Amino acid sequence: MTDTLVSTVNGLLGALLCLRLNLSAPEINALMSHNVDAGQFFDRLAARTGQSGTYRDLVQGTYGMQDISAAAADAATDAQTASALRRFGTLVGNGYRVPLTNLFGLGLWSNVPVGGSDARPALRAGLNAYQLISFAAQAGPGAIDASDLVSLAVPGSTVRVSAVANGAMAQPRFAFGPASETRVTTSQMRLQLALGLPKIAVLGTLLDVNSLPVLFDIAPASAQVTQIACPTTDNQARDTQVAVRTESGLVRAYIGNVAPSAMTKAMPEITAVSPASLISTNVAGLVSVSASARVVGGAVTGASSTLTFGPGANGTVGSPQVPGTAASVRNASQVGATVNNLTTGLATGLDVRVSLLSGVIGLSTQPITSALFSGLVGSITTQLTNLVGSTVDPLLDSVLAALGIQLGDASVWVTGARCGVPVLI
């Protein structure tokens, strides 16, 4: 649990919820490492909010974040996780309202009356505690967009988060159901960053360089249960295997300015990217210096694969008490390709202009232009490369982890399986 991740979780979730969070590293670690019992969570939420009827009736409602967190705490399988959930709920309160419709796909459990989590045969499945509250925060009305003038930064980082937008959640994050009918997705995500660039020397003068706006447009990843293989042994919990067809999302990247509306929950298509000004000044009354950048990177398609869960498979099937091991469609090389698209585009997307001011004789602008261009390309390339690495500035990975996504990857958990009844993924 790094300081960067702790700071980013508190900053991002706090900004979404319009408050200042101060969850500790042990609390965040407990939330990320443990589950809450799915059925008990539904029942505790119904009891806490006076709901009756079926589970479908329950998840069609809108609830305060404190009630959601408290119900999750009541269903937590670990005391430290329960404590962290209760403190989170107390900090947020019930003023932040979350519709649950888009979080859960209940499938065959839709018509089961609330209060049935202990009935037999009930599905004993888990929901990761951090994913539950993070996805709930994103499903609510909160938004981090440019108009909010939100600046989220990690101390010592050269990167600032200037805007985050979530697209409509067309598919649930957690789903119950049989093979061929159970599907989950992430939401579409846009992340706008401001990369700090070092000063550039011109005629012995160090010029400030404006931060570089970089936008990542991340299409939804998806997963669908394709097969549940029931064992012939007596140990169903240990030997059941689940196959999940998984696809990671397409990724686009841009350097430049986009309309403020692009970074709202409506997430309109990006149709125009204008050059971002990096330098605009004159040096000692001798030369006028200007530089701007605009790059539209080509789309990098996602990967797809069938992941299996169970004995000897890609991942393991979990339970409320023991979180399963995730399996992933890894796309690390394509993350590199996304950045390479941007750095390659700098050759034509970086506009550097140097012109003489009146009264200057015998000064050539060509060496200055070349030095400026190479200096900017070098510093931008370094910052972009560091952005997806872990050696200098791992902020991007932390930001995405705080939102429950990975750039170009898709990770899937099967947190409960039973033959003849639904599976939760």
Foldseek 3Di string as FASTA:
>chain_A
DDPLLQLLLQQPLCQLLVHGDRDDPVQVVLLQAAWFWVLQLLQQLCVVVVHWFASLVSLQDKWFQLSSLQSSLVRTQDVSNSVSSNVVSVRRDRPFIFRRNQAEAEEVRGRPIRPCCPPPPHWFFTDRRLLVSLVRSLRTPGFQFQVVQRWRDDVPFQKTWRGKEWEDRPHHQKYWDAAPPTKHKGTWMKTKMWGAFAFAADPNDTHGWGTKIKMKTWHMKMKGWHDWDADPDPPRQAAIKTKIKIKGTKMWMKIADFDRVCRYHNNDDTDDGDWDWTDFQDDPLWKTKTKTFIATFDIQGADIDMFMEHPPTQKHAAGNNGFIGKHKDDDVVSLVVNLVSRLVRLVPGMDIDMGTGPPDPDDDCVVVRVSVSVSVSVRVSVRSVVPVDDPRHPNNQSNQVSSPHDHRMDIDTFRTDDPPTITMD
